[in-house]
Amino acid sequence: MGKACAGLSAFQARVGEAARTLLHHQGYDGGWGLTLTSVSSIVNASEVLPILRAAGIAGQPVRQALDFLTEAIPEHCKPRHKGGRGEHSRFVAFGLTGLLSHPRFFHHVGVAEAASWCVDWLDDHRVEHGWPEALGLDDTSLHQTALAVNGLAQLRDTLHELGPDLVLSGGVNTTSLLERVEPLIEHGVHGVLYHRRSSGAWGWRTYVDTDPSPSKTALCLLALSAVVSGRGPGGEPAYRDVPRDTGGVHGPVQRKRLSEAVVEAGQWLVRNHHRWETFVEDDKDVQGTAWEHMAYALCTQAAIRSGADPRDPRLSTAWRLMNDLWAPEAGMWNEPGASGKRATIRAAYYTVAAYQEALDRLARIGIGEEAGTGDDEVAVEVPLLRAEIGDGQTVRLSIRDSAGPVTCELSERLFDLAKVVHDGPGEGLATKQIAQALFVAPSSVAKYVQRLNKAVSDALGGAPVRLLLASTVNGASGYAWARSEEIG
């Protein structure tokens, strides 16, 4: 595991140290800048919040950061001659993601109002196929459109979790806000798919025939994945994943489900790992600043999200680079670059996201499984249409195109595990909670989850199905029941 996924064993200690470093350098206004001494920005404050969550840190530092975002988002989006930092889509797209990084704080004063303001801005300033880099530009930005779609999908999921007709701070109603969010998701998805290449990748510019971009492909993959993986208030899919038109700018239009587009983008990234595994990718579309994507980490995260095994040898070079970029003296991760390494929040954010994705993925597939070494393609996981506790020590399962429900008989221990998680809250149970319920050591839970998922897969003829999925519960790792999809 150490060789295949370098730095993973040290990740929890490192992310904890990085979080302490960031807390020590939190600005008086509650925000952070690109480096530990930079002026606070919406982008970097929004990048820090997920790092704190990965380290299990909440409380006052998070509230202060959210206060910074709620004030900064509308102010920074003003034109420069009115005291703002420019009418850039990235302030809204990153800001919305930052506001949602700790869902338990969505009730915090001003957060729901700021999220609603972001929705209004995105509604008012959309262009034909998404959103531009900045107001006044007609060209769609894949970067900002993907970020906006990702943030809107997270907001949709948060509103579903809160429930209908709940009145939040500032009089924001969850139902009315959701009714404004869903058409914007559809608008962004249409734009992202319109610019998809037949290879499964996306180019580094829209509307013109450019080379494919690993970073833009990763961003679009993550956005579509966020849309299609969401769940409604009753556990049903929040998005109906039916075949729809993809492409249109380059080559013939194809019919794809979003889930298929995600998997094919991941396959493209894994096949072309040599194009991003040690690189930082410059984005000339972003105006007003020199923007670089940490492709080595961003593409690793996206490949794993699409179904790649973190231990795939084709990802090993990227893992080694991320491991080598840890700077103990700074308590942070460095950015690679010709001008010399420097510790930045941007590097820490994308690196933490990649390692966190790997941990979640390994929990889903089972730590004890062997990584494939010769597969050319990423495996496609099959979603469960239905999964419910049956009579005796059984679970009843259905997948798409199956002849009918399948009954999976389990051992007493595995059935107890299934029932504990099934009867728990929708977001899942922390590993320690599961261990206490089963009277086993926390370190044994992953082994039992692996055995349960294998039993379910075997019952369905070896289909790559998972009944229990990795979940983050109040900042701690855990597992959640694979919520059933409704046919149709």
Protein backbone atom coordinates (compact mmCIF):
# COMPACT_ATOMS: atom_id res chain seq x y z
CA MET A 1 0.00 0.00 0.00
CA GLY A 2 2.81 2.45 0.87
CA LYS A 3 4.51 2.05 -2.50
CA ALA A 4 1.28 2.13 -4.50
CA CYS A 5 -0.21 5.13 -2.69
CA ALA A 6 2.74 7.03 -1.24
CA GLY A 7 1.92 9.32 1.66
CA LEU A 8 -1.44 7.73 2.52
CA SER A 9 -0.31 6.27 5.82
CA ALA A 10 0.99 9.67 6.91
CA PHE A 11 -2.00 11.61 5.62
CA GLN A 12 -4.04 11.89 8.82
CA ALA A 13 -1.07 13.21 10.79
CA ARG A 14 -0.12 15.59 8.00
CA VAL A 15 -3.60 17.01 7.45
CA GLY A 16 -3.84 17.60 11.19
CA GLU A 17 -0.53 19.47 11.15
CA ALA A 18 -1.59 21.45 8.07
CA ALA A 19 -4.83 22.43 9.79
CA ARG A 20 -2.93 23.65 12.87
CA THR A 21 -0.62 25.66 10.62
CA LEU A 22 -3.59 27.24 8.87
CA LEU A 23 -5.35 28.07 12.13
CA HIS A 24 -2.19 29.80 13.34
CA HIS A 25 -2.23 31.98 10.20
CA GLN A 26 -5.97 32.70 10.01
CA GLY A 27 -6.42 36.39 9.24
CA TYR A 28 -8.01 38.86 11.60
CA ASP A 29 -10.94 38.97 9.16
CA GLY A 30 -11.40 35.19 9.39
CA GLY A 31 -9.95 34.40 5.96
CA TRP A 32 -6.75 33.19 4.33
CA GLY A 33 -4.71 34.07 1.23
CA LEU A 34 -2.74 31.95 -1.22
CA THR A 35 0.34 31.81 1.00
CA LEU A 36 0.43 32.02 4.76
CA THR A 37 1.15 35.76 4.61
CA SER A 38 -1.14 36.77 1.71
CA VAL A 39 -4.23 38.98 1.89
CA SER A 40 -7.42 37.01 2.50
CA SER A 41 -9.39 35.90 -0.54
CA ILE A 42 -12.67 34.10 -1.16
CA VAL A 43 -10.92 31.40 -3.16
CA ASN A 44 -8.34 30.51 -0.53
CA ALA A 45 -10.70 30.77 2.43
CA SER A 46 -13.01 28.36 0.59
CA GLU A 47 -10.07 26.02 0.02
CA VAL A 48 -9.08 25.99 3.69
CA LEU A 49 -12.50 25.00 5.03
CA PRO A 50 -12.44 21.45 3.54
CA ILE A 51 -8.93 20.97 4.95
CA LEU A 52 -10.22 21.84 8.42
CA ARG A 53 -13.11 19.43 7.95
CA ALA A 54 -10.77 16.63 6.88
CA ALA A 55 -8.82 17.25 10.09
CA GLY A 56 -12.02 17.13 12.18
CA ILE A 57 -11.85 20.83 13.11
CA ALA A 58 -14.98 22.94 13.40
CA GLY A 59 -16.11 25.46 16.02
CA GLN A 60 -15.09 29.10 16.15
CA PRO A 61 -12.44 29.06 13.36
CA VAL A 62 -15.04 27.75 10.91
CA ARG A 63 -17.63 30.30 12.05
CA GLN A 64 -15.12 33.10 11.56
CA ALA A 65 -14.26 31.85 8.08
CA LEU A 66 -17.95 31.64 7.17
CA ASP A 67 -18.44 35.18 8.47
CA PHE A 68 -15.62 36.30 6.17
CA LEU A 69 -17.23 34.59 3.17
CA THR A 70 -20.72 35.95 3.83
CA GLU A 71 -19.35 39.50 3.85
CA ALA A 72 -16.69 39.11 1.17
CA ILE A 73 -18.71 37.41 -1.59
CA PRO A 74 -21.01 40.36 -2.43
CA GLU A 75 -18.26 42.91 -1.77
CA HIS A 76 -15.52 41.30 -3.86
CA CYS A 77 -17.92 40.80 -6.79
CA LYS A 78 -18.35 44.54 -7.22
CA PRO A 79 -16.52 46.28 -10.09
CA ARG A 80 -13.10 47.55 -9.13
CA HIS A 81 -14.14 51.17 -9.49
CA LYS A 82 -16.80 50.53 -6.85
CA GLY A 83 -14.36 49.03 -4.36
CA GLY A 84 -14.63 45.39 -5.39
CA ARG A 85 -12.10 42.97 -6.86
CA GLY A 86 -13.87 42.53 -10.18
CA GLU A 87 -16.99 40.80 -11.41
CA HIS A 88 -15.42 37.34 -11.59
CA SER A 89 -17.46 34.15 -11.59
CA ARG A 90 -14.82 32.41 -9.50
CA PHE A 91 -15.69 34.50 -6.44
CA VAL A 92 -19.25 33.15 -6.55
CA ALA A 93 -18.38 29.58 -7.56
CA PHE A 94 -15.65 29.11 -4.96
CA GLY A 95 -17.59 31.09 -2.36
CA LEU A 96 -20.67 28.89 -2.69
CA THR A 97 -18.55 25.76 -2.27
CA GLY A 98 -16.91 27.25 0.80
CA LEU A 99 -20.26 28.12 2.37
CA LEU A 100 -21.31 24.47 1.96
CA SER A 101 -18.06 22.85 3.10
CA HIS A 102 -19.42 22.31 6.63
CA PRO A 103 -23.15 21.51 6.13
CA ARG A 104 -23.83 21.50 9.87
CA PHE A 105 -23.09 25.26 9.86
CA PHE A 106 -25.61 26.10 7.13
CA HIS A 107 -27.82 27.46 9.92
CA HIS A 108 -25.04 29.89 10.94
CA VAL A 109 -26.09 33.51 10.64
CA GLY A 110 -25.74 34.80 7.10
CA VAL A 111 -24.74 31.53 5.41
CA ALA A 112 -28.11 30.71 3.84
CA GLU A 113 -28.53 34.33 2.76
CA ALA A 114 -25.09 34.34 1.13
CA ALA A 115 -25.85 31.07 -0.65
CA SER A 116 -29.11 32.55 -1.92
CA TRP A 117 -27.20 35.63 -3.12
CA CYS A 118 -24.84 33.34 -5.07
CA VAL A 119 -27.82 31.62 -6.69
CA ASP A 120 -29.26 34.99 -7.72
CA TRP A 121 -25.90 36.04 -9.19
CA LEU A 122 -25.55 32.82 -11.16
CA ASP A 123 -29.12 33.15 -12.42
CA ASP A 124 -28.58 36.74 -13.55
CA HIS A 125 -25.20 36.24 -15.23
CA ARG A 126 -25.36 32.94 -17.09
CA VAL A 127 -24.41 32.79 -20.75
CA GLU A 128 -25.49 30.32 -23.42
CA HIS A 129 -23.52 27.29 -22.24
CA GLY A 130 -22.74 28.02 -18.61
CA TRP A 131 -20.96 30.95 -17.02
CA PRO A 132 -18.10 33.22 -18.17
CA GLU A 133 -14.81 33.91 -16.42
CA ALA A 134 -15.98 37.46 -15.80
CA LEU A 135 -18.97 39.61 -16.65
CA GLY A 136 -18.83 41.17 -20.10
CA LEU A 137 -17.39 38.04 -21.70
CA ASP A 138 -19.66 35.91 -23.87
CA ASP A 139 -17.49 32.77 -23.98
CA THR A 140 -18.33 30.01 -21.55
CA SER A 141 -15.59 29.10 -19.07
CA LEU A 142 -15.38 25.36 -18.43
CA HIS A 143 -13.51 26.08 -15.22
CA GLN A 144 -16.17 28.36 -13.74
CA THR A 145 -19.11 26.41 -15.15
CA ALA A 146 -17.82 23.16 -13.63
CA LEU A 147 -17.20 24.87 -10.28
CA ALA A 148 -20.66 26.44 -10.33
CA VAL A 149 -22.35 23.14 -11.14
CA ASN A 150 -20.43 21.42 -8.36
CA GLY A 151 -21.42 24.07 -5.83
CA LEU A 152 -25.06 24.10 -6.95
CA ALA A 153 -25.22 20.30 -6.66
CA GLN A 154 -23.85 20.51 -3.12
CA LEU A 155 -26.43 23.18 -2.28
CA ARG A 156 -29.21 21.00 -3.71
CA ASP A 157 -28.11 18.08 -1.53
CA THR A 158 -27.91 20.27 1.56
CA LEU A 159 -31.43 21.60 0.96
CA HIS A 160 -32.75 18.06 0.52
CA GLU A 161 -31.15 17.07 3.83
CA LEU A 162 -32.73 20.05 5.60
CA GLY A 163 -36.19 19.19 4.30
CA PRO A 164 -38.96 21.16 2.60
CA ASP A 165 -40.31 24.58 3.64
CA LEU A 166 -37.73 25.14 6.36
CA VAL A 167 -37.14 28.84 6.97
CA LEU A 168 -33.46 29.64 7.52
CA SER A 169 -31.66 32.82 8.53
CA GLY A 170 -32.75 35.88 6.61
CA GLY A 171 -36.06 34.25 5.70
CA VAL A 172 -34.53 31.87 3.14
CA ASN A 173 -37.00 29.06 2.44
CA THR A 174 -35.48 25.69 1.50
CA THR A 175 -38.19 24.79 -1.01
CA SER A 176 -38.17 28.10 -2.87
CA LEU A 177 -34.36 28.13 -2.97
CA LEU A 178 -34.30 24.57 -4.32
CA GLU A 179 -36.72 25.57 -7.08
CA ARG A 180 -34.19 28.19 -8.21
CA VAL A 181 -31.19 25.89 -7.90
CA GLU A 182 -32.34 22.94 -10.01
CA PRO A 183 -32.79 24.85 -13.33
CA LEU A 184 -29.30 26.32 -12.88
CA ILE A 185 -27.85 22.83 -12.42
CA GLU A 186 -29.56 21.75 -15.63
CA HIS A 187 -28.22 24.83 -17.44
CA GLY A 188 -24.66 24.10 -16.31
CA VAL A 189 -24.87 20.39 -17.11
CA HIS A 190 -26.07 21.21 -20.63
CA GLY A 191 -23.09 23.52 -21.13
CA VAL A 192 -20.55 21.05 -19.77
CA LEU A 193 -21.87 18.23 -21.97
CA TYR A 194 -22.01 20.48 -25.05
CA HIS A 195 -18.24 20.96 -24.90
CA ARG A 196 -17.39 17.31 -24.27
CA ARG A 197 -15.15 15.63 -26.86
CA SER A 198 -15.92 12.21 -28.31
CA SER A 199 -12.74 10.95 -26.60
CA GLY A 200 -14.39 11.56 -23.22
CA ALA A 201 -12.18 14.57 -22.43
CA TRP A 202 -12.69 18.34 -22.50
CA GLY A 203 -10.48 20.93 -24.19
CA TRP A 204 -8.66 23.77 -22.47
CA ARG A 205 -10.78 26.34 -24.35
CA THR A 206 -14.43 26.36 -25.36
CA TYR A 207 -15.74 26.73 -28.90
CA VAL A 208 -12.34 26.32 -30.57
CA ASP A 209 -10.46 23.13 -31.41
CA THR A 210 -7.71 22.91 -28.78
CA ASP A 211 -5.77 20.08 -27.21
CA PRO A 212 -7.62 18.20 -24.48
CA SER A 213 -6.99 19.53 -20.98
CA PRO A 214 -6.46 17.09 -18.10
CA SER A 215 -7.48 19.71 -15.53
CA LYS A 216 -10.62 20.82 -17.37
CA THR A 217 -11.54 17.16 -17.86
CA ALA A 218 -11.10 16.52 -14.14
CA LEU A 219 -13.17 19.58 -13.18
CA CYS A 220 -16.02 18.57 -15.50
CA LEU A 221 -15.89 14.97 -14.26
CA LEU A 222 -16.18 16.10 -10.63
CA ALA A 223 -19.07 18.43 -11.46
CA LEU A 224 -21.08 15.78 -13.29
CA SER A 225 -20.34 13.27 -10.55
CA ALA A 226 -21.69 15.69 -7.93
CA VAL A 227 -24.89 16.12 -9.92
CA VAL A 228 -25.60 12.46 -10.57
CA SER A 229 -24.63 11.16 -7.12
CA GLY A 230 -27.02 13.37 -5.15
CA ARG A 231 -30.04 11.98 -3.33
CA GLY A 232 -33.51 13.38 -2.81
CA PRO A 233 -35.28 13.72 0.54
CA GLY A 234 -36.60 10.15 0.37
CA GLY A 235 -33.32 8.60 -0.77
CA GLU A 236 -34.30 8.63 -4.45
CA PRO A 237 -31.83 10.01 -7.01
CA ALA A 238 -31.89 13.80 -7.04
CA TYR A 239 -31.11 13.77 -10.76
CA ARG A 240 -32.72 11.51 -13.36
CA ASP A 241 -29.75 10.04 -15.20
CA VAL A 242 -31.17 9.36 -18.64
CA PRO A 243 -29.26 9.34 -21.95
CA ARG A 244 -28.87 12.86 -23.32
CA ASP A 245 -26.94 14.72 -26.01
CA THR A 246 -23.23 15.23 -25.41
CA GLY A 247 -20.86 17.09 -27.70
CA GLY A 248 -21.78 19.44 -30.46
CA VAL A 249 -18.76 21.71 -30.74
CA HIS A 250 -16.34 19.05 -32.01
CA GLY A 251 -17.45 15.91 -33.80
CA PRO A 252 -20.83 14.17 -33.81
CA VAL A 253 -23.35 14.39 -30.99
CA GLN A 254 -23.44 11.29 -28.80
CA ARG A 255 -26.08 10.04 -26.37
CA LYS A 256 -24.70 9.43 -22.88
CA ARG A 257 -25.85 9.20 -19.30
CA LEU A 258 -23.99 11.50 -16.92
CA SER A 259 -22.65 8.43 -15.11
CA GLU A 260 -21.22 7.16 -18.41
CA ALA A 261 -19.59 10.51 -19.14
CA VAL A 262 -17.99 10.42 -15.68
CA VAL A 263 -16.55 6.93 -16.17
CA GLU A 264 -15.26 7.68 -19.70
CA ALA A 265 -13.58 10.88 -18.50
CA GLY A 266 -11.89 8.86 -15.76
CA GLN A 267 -10.73 6.31 -18.28
CA TRP A 268 -9.24 9.09 -20.42
CA LEU A 269 -7.38 10.49 -17.41
CA VAL A 270 -5.95 7.12 -16.40
CA ARG A 271 -4.88 6.27 -19.95
CA ASN A 272 -3.22 9.69 -20.29
CA HIS A 273 -1.67 9.83 -16.83
CA HIS A 274 1.68 10.84 -18.29
CA ARG A 275 0.09 14.16 -19.34
CA TRP A 276 -0.66 15.31 -15.79
CA GLU A 277 0.98 13.12 -13.13
CA THR A 278 3.81 15.59 -12.39
CA PHE A 279 2.41 18.78 -13.87
CA VAL A 280 0.82 22.06 -12.93
CA GLU A 281 -1.48 23.25 -15.74
CA ASP A 282 -1.69 26.93 -16.61
CA ASP A 283 -5.19 28.32 -17.27
CA LYS A 284 -5.02 31.36 -19.52
CA ASP A 285 -8.81 31.78 -19.45
CA VAL A 286 -8.71 33.17 -15.90
CA GLN A 287 -8.37 36.93 -16.03
CA GLY A 288 -6.75 39.17 -13.47
CA THR A 289 -4.38 36.57 -12.02
CA ALA A 290 -1.93 33.85 -13.04
CA TRP A 291 -4.04 30.75 -12.49
CA GLU A 292 -2.58 27.27 -12.22
CA HIS A 293 -4.37 23.98 -11.68
CA MET A 294 -2.58 21.42 -9.51
CA ALA A 295 -3.18 18.80 -12.20
CA TYR A 296 -1.14 16.08 -10.45
CA ALA A 297 -3.60 16.11 -7.51
CA LEU A 298 -6.81 17.30 -9.20
CA CYS A 299 -6.66 14.57 -11.86
CA THR A 300 -5.82 11.92 -9.28
CA GLN A 301 -8.91 12.86 -7.30
CA ALA A 302 -11.10 12.83 -10.40
CA ALA A 303 -9.77 9.48 -11.64
CA ILE A 304 -10.55 7.90 -8.28
CA ARG A 305 -14.00 9.52 -8.17
CA SER A 306 -14.78 7.88 -11.50
CA GLY A 307 -13.96 4.44 -10.15
CA ALA A 308 -10.18 4.02 -10.43
CA ASP A 309 -8.39 2.10 -7.68
CA PRO A 310 -6.07 4.47 -5.77
CA ARG A 311 -3.42 1.73 -5.88
CA ASP A 312 -3.43 1.57 -9.68
CA PRO A 313 0.25 1.71 -10.75
CA ARG A 314 -0.63 4.44 -13.24
CA LEU A 315 -1.34 6.76 -10.31
CA SER A 316 1.83 5.95 -8.40
CA THR A 317 3.96 8.77 -9.87
CA ALA A 318 1.40 11.37 -8.83
CA TRP A 319 1.23 9.90 -5.32
CA ARG A 320 5.02 9.99 -5.00
CA LEU A 321 5.07 13.64 -6.04
CA MET A 322 2.39 14.57 -3.48
CA ASN A 323 4.28 12.68 -0.81
CA ASP A 324 7.54 14.45 -1.72
CA LEU A 325 5.86 17.87 -1.69
CA TRP A 326 5.09 17.64 2.02
CA ALA A 327 7.19 20.29 3.78
CA PRO A 328 7.64 19.46 7.49
CA GLU A 329 9.26 22.81 8.23
CA ALA A 330 6.20 24.65 6.89
CA GLY A 331 3.62 22.17 8.12
CA MET A 332 2.04 22.31 4.65
CA TRP A 333 2.30 20.89 1.15
CA ASN A 334 4.42 22.69 -1.42
CA GLU A 335 3.54 23.52 -4.98
CA PRO A 336 5.97 22.23 -7.60
CA GLY A 337 7.29 24.74 -10.06
CA ALA A 338 10.26 26.04 -11.99
CA SER A 339 10.58 29.00 -9.64
CA GLY A 340 11.07 26.71 -6.68
CA LYS A 341 8.77 24.98 -4.24
CA ARG A 342 6.57 27.04 -1.95
CA ALA A 343 3.91 26.03 0.55
CA THR A 344 0.48 27.23 -0.57
CA ILE A 345 -3.12 26.72 0.45
CA ARG A 346 -3.91 25.77 -3.14
CA ALA A 347 -1.45 22.87 -3.05
CA ALA A 348 -2.75 21.74 0.33
CA TYR A 349 -6.39 21.90 -0.81
CA TYR A 350 -5.96 19.75 -3.92
CA THR A 351 -3.62 17.32 -2.18
CA VAL A 352 -5.99 16.81 0.75
CA ALA A 353 -8.88 16.31 -1.70
CA ALA A 354 -6.94 13.60 -3.53
CA TYR A 355 -5.95 11.72 -0.37
CA GLN A 356 -9.45 12.03 1.07
CA GLU A 357 -10.91 10.64 -2.16
CA ALA A 358 -8.46 7.73 -1.96
CA LEU A 359 -9.42 6.92 1.63
CA ASP A 360 -13.12 6.98 0.78
CA ARG A 361 -12.58 4.81 -2.29
CA LEU A 362 -10.46 2.25 -0.43
CA ALA A 363 -13.15 1.99 2.22
CA ARG A 364 -15.72 1.27 -0.48
CA ILE A 365 -13.77 -1.39 -2.33
CA GLY A 366 -12.30 -3.02 0.78
CA ILE A 367 -8.78 -2.53 2.08
CA GLY A 368 -7.97 -6.22 1.67
CA GLU A 369 -8.60 -6.42 -2.07
CA GLU A 370 -5.72 -6.53 -4.48
CA ALA A 371 -5.30 -3.68 -6.93
CA GLY A 372 -5.64 -4.55 -10.59
CA THR A 373 -2.46 -4.03 -12.54
CA GLY A 374 -3.36 -4.92 -16.09
CA ASP A 375 -6.79 -3.39 -16.68
CA ASP A 376 -6.87 -0.73 -19.36
CA GLU A 377 -10.18 0.70 -18.22
CA VAL A 378 -11.70 1.97 -15.00
CA ALA A 379 -14.26 -0.40 -13.54
CA VAL A 380 -17.85 0.86 -13.59
CA GLU A 381 -19.70 0.41 -10.32
CA VAL A 382 -23.33 -0.62 -10.72
CA PRO A 383 -25.82 1.42 -8.66
CA LEU A 384 -28.38 -0.41 -6.56
CA LEU A 385 -31.94 0.31 -7.61
CA ARG A 386 -33.26 -1.07 -4.34
CA ALA A 387 -31.67 -2.33 -1.15
CA GLU A 388 -33.71 -3.22 1.91
CA ILE A 389 -33.63 -5.45 4.95
CA GLY A 390 -35.45 -8.70 4.29
CA ASP A 391 -36.79 -11.56 6.37
CA GLY A 392 -34.41 -13.43 8.60
CA GLN A 393 -30.78 -12.55 8.08
CA THR A 394 -31.22 -11.31 4.51
CA VAL A 395 -31.15 -8.18 2.39
CA ARG A 396 -33.18 -7.81 -0.82
CA LEU A 397 -31.40 -6.23 -3.75
CA SER A 398 -32.15 -5.05 -7.28
CA ILE A 399 -29.91 -3.62 -9.99
CA ARG A 400 -30.72 -2.24 -13.44
CA ASP A 401 -31.64 -4.87 -16.02
CA SER A 402 -31.90 -7.64 -13.42
CA ALA A 403 -34.75 -10.14 -13.77
CA GLY A 404 -36.08 -9.22 -10.34
CA PRO A 405 -35.10 -8.76 -6.69
CA VAL A 406 -32.32 -10.97 -5.34
CA THR A 407 -32.20 -12.17 -1.75
CA CYS A 408 -28.76 -12.20 -0.16
CA GLU A 409 -28.45 -14.36 2.95
CA LEU A 410 -25.84 -13.14 5.43
CA SER A 411 -24.02 -14.45 8.44
CA GLU A 412 -25.18 -13.14 11.81
CA ARG A 413 -22.24 -10.73 12.08
CA LEU A 414 -22.67 -9.31 8.58
CA PHE A 415 -26.43 -8.97 9.01
CA ASP A 416 -25.90 -7.11 12.28
CA LEU A 417 -23.55 -4.75 10.45
CA ALA A 418 -26.06 -4.20 7.65
CA LYS A 419 -28.92 -3.53 10.06
CA VAL A 420 -26.93 -1.15 12.25
CA VAL A 421 -26.04 1.05 9.28
CA HIS A 422 -29.47 0.68 7.65
CA ASP A 423 -31.24 1.84 10.82
CA GLY A 424 -28.80 4.71 11.39
CA PRO A 425 -29.07 8.30 10.12
CA GLY A 426 -29.02 8.98 6.38
CA GLU A 427 -25.52 10.43 6.42
CA GLY A 428 -24.19 7.21 7.94
CA LEU A 429 -22.47 6.17 11.13
CA ALA A 430 -18.91 6.88 12.19
CA THR A 431 -16.59 3.87 12.30
CA LYS A 432 -16.35 4.13 16.08
CA GLN A 433 -20.15 4.06 16.40
CA ILE A 434 -20.37 0.94 14.25
CA ALA A 435 -17.60 -0.71 16.25
CA GLN A 436 -19.41 0.00 19.53
CA ALA A 437 -22.68 -1.39 18.19
CA LEU A 438 -20.99 -4.59 17.01
CA PHE A 439 -18.65 -4.88 20.02
CA VAL A 440 -15.58 -5.04 17.80
CA ALA A 441 -12.44 -2.95 17.46
CA PRO A 442 -12.74 0.09 15.14
CA SER A 443 -9.87 -1.31 13.07
CA SER A 444 -12.01 -4.38 12.28
CA VAL A 445 -14.95 -2.47 10.79
CA ALA A 446 -13.39 -2.06 7.33
CA LYS A 447 -12.83 -5.82 7.15
CA TYR A 448 -16.49 -6.55 7.90
CA VAL A 449 -17.65 -3.91 5.42
CA GLN A 450 -15.50 -5.54 2.76
CA ARG A 451 -17.00 -8.97 3.51
CA LEU A 452 -20.55 -7.60 3.43
CA ASN A 453 -20.01 -5.84 0.12
CA LYS A 454 -18.43 -8.97 -1.34
CA ALA A 455 -21.41 -11.08 -0.22
CA VAL A 456 -23.78 -8.62 -1.90
CA SER A 457 -21.68 -8.62 -5.09
CA ASP A 458 -21.58 -12.43 -5.15
CA ALA A 459 -25.35 -12.60 -4.71
CA LEU A 460 -25.73 -10.40 -7.80
CA GLY A 461 -23.50 -12.57 -9.94
CA GLY A 462 -20.28 -10.71 -9.24
CA ALA A 463 -21.61 -7.27 -10.26
CA PRO A 464 -19.43 -4.43 -8.86
CA VAL A 465 -22.03 -3.36 -6.30
CA ARG A 466 -21.49 -1.86 -2.84
CA LEU A 467 -24.17 -1.92 -0.14
CA LEU A 468 -22.20 0.16 2.36
CA LEU A 469 -20.40 3.26 1.10
CA ALA A 470 -17.69 5.30 2.75
CA SER A 471 -19.04 8.43 4.38
CA THR A 472 -17.75 11.37 6.41
CA VAL A 473 -19.76 11.79 9.62
CA ASN A 474 -19.06 14.94 11.62
CA GLY A 475 -15.53 15.02 10.29
CA ALA A 476 -14.84 11.35 11.03
CA SER A 477 -14.72 8.42 8.62
CA GLY A 478 -17.67 6.08 8.56
CA TYR A 479 -20.14 4.21 6.34
CA ALA A 480 -23.60 4.88 4.94
CA TRP A 481 -26.29 2.67 3.39
CA ALA A 482 -26.37 2.79 -0.40
CA ARG A 483 -29.67 4.57 -0.80
CA SER A 484 -32.03 2.92 -3.23
CA GLU A 485 -32.83 4.39 -6.63
CA GLU A 486 -36.32 4.21 -8.02
CA ILE A 487 -36.73 2.60 -11.45
CA GLY A 488 -37.94 4.88 -14.21
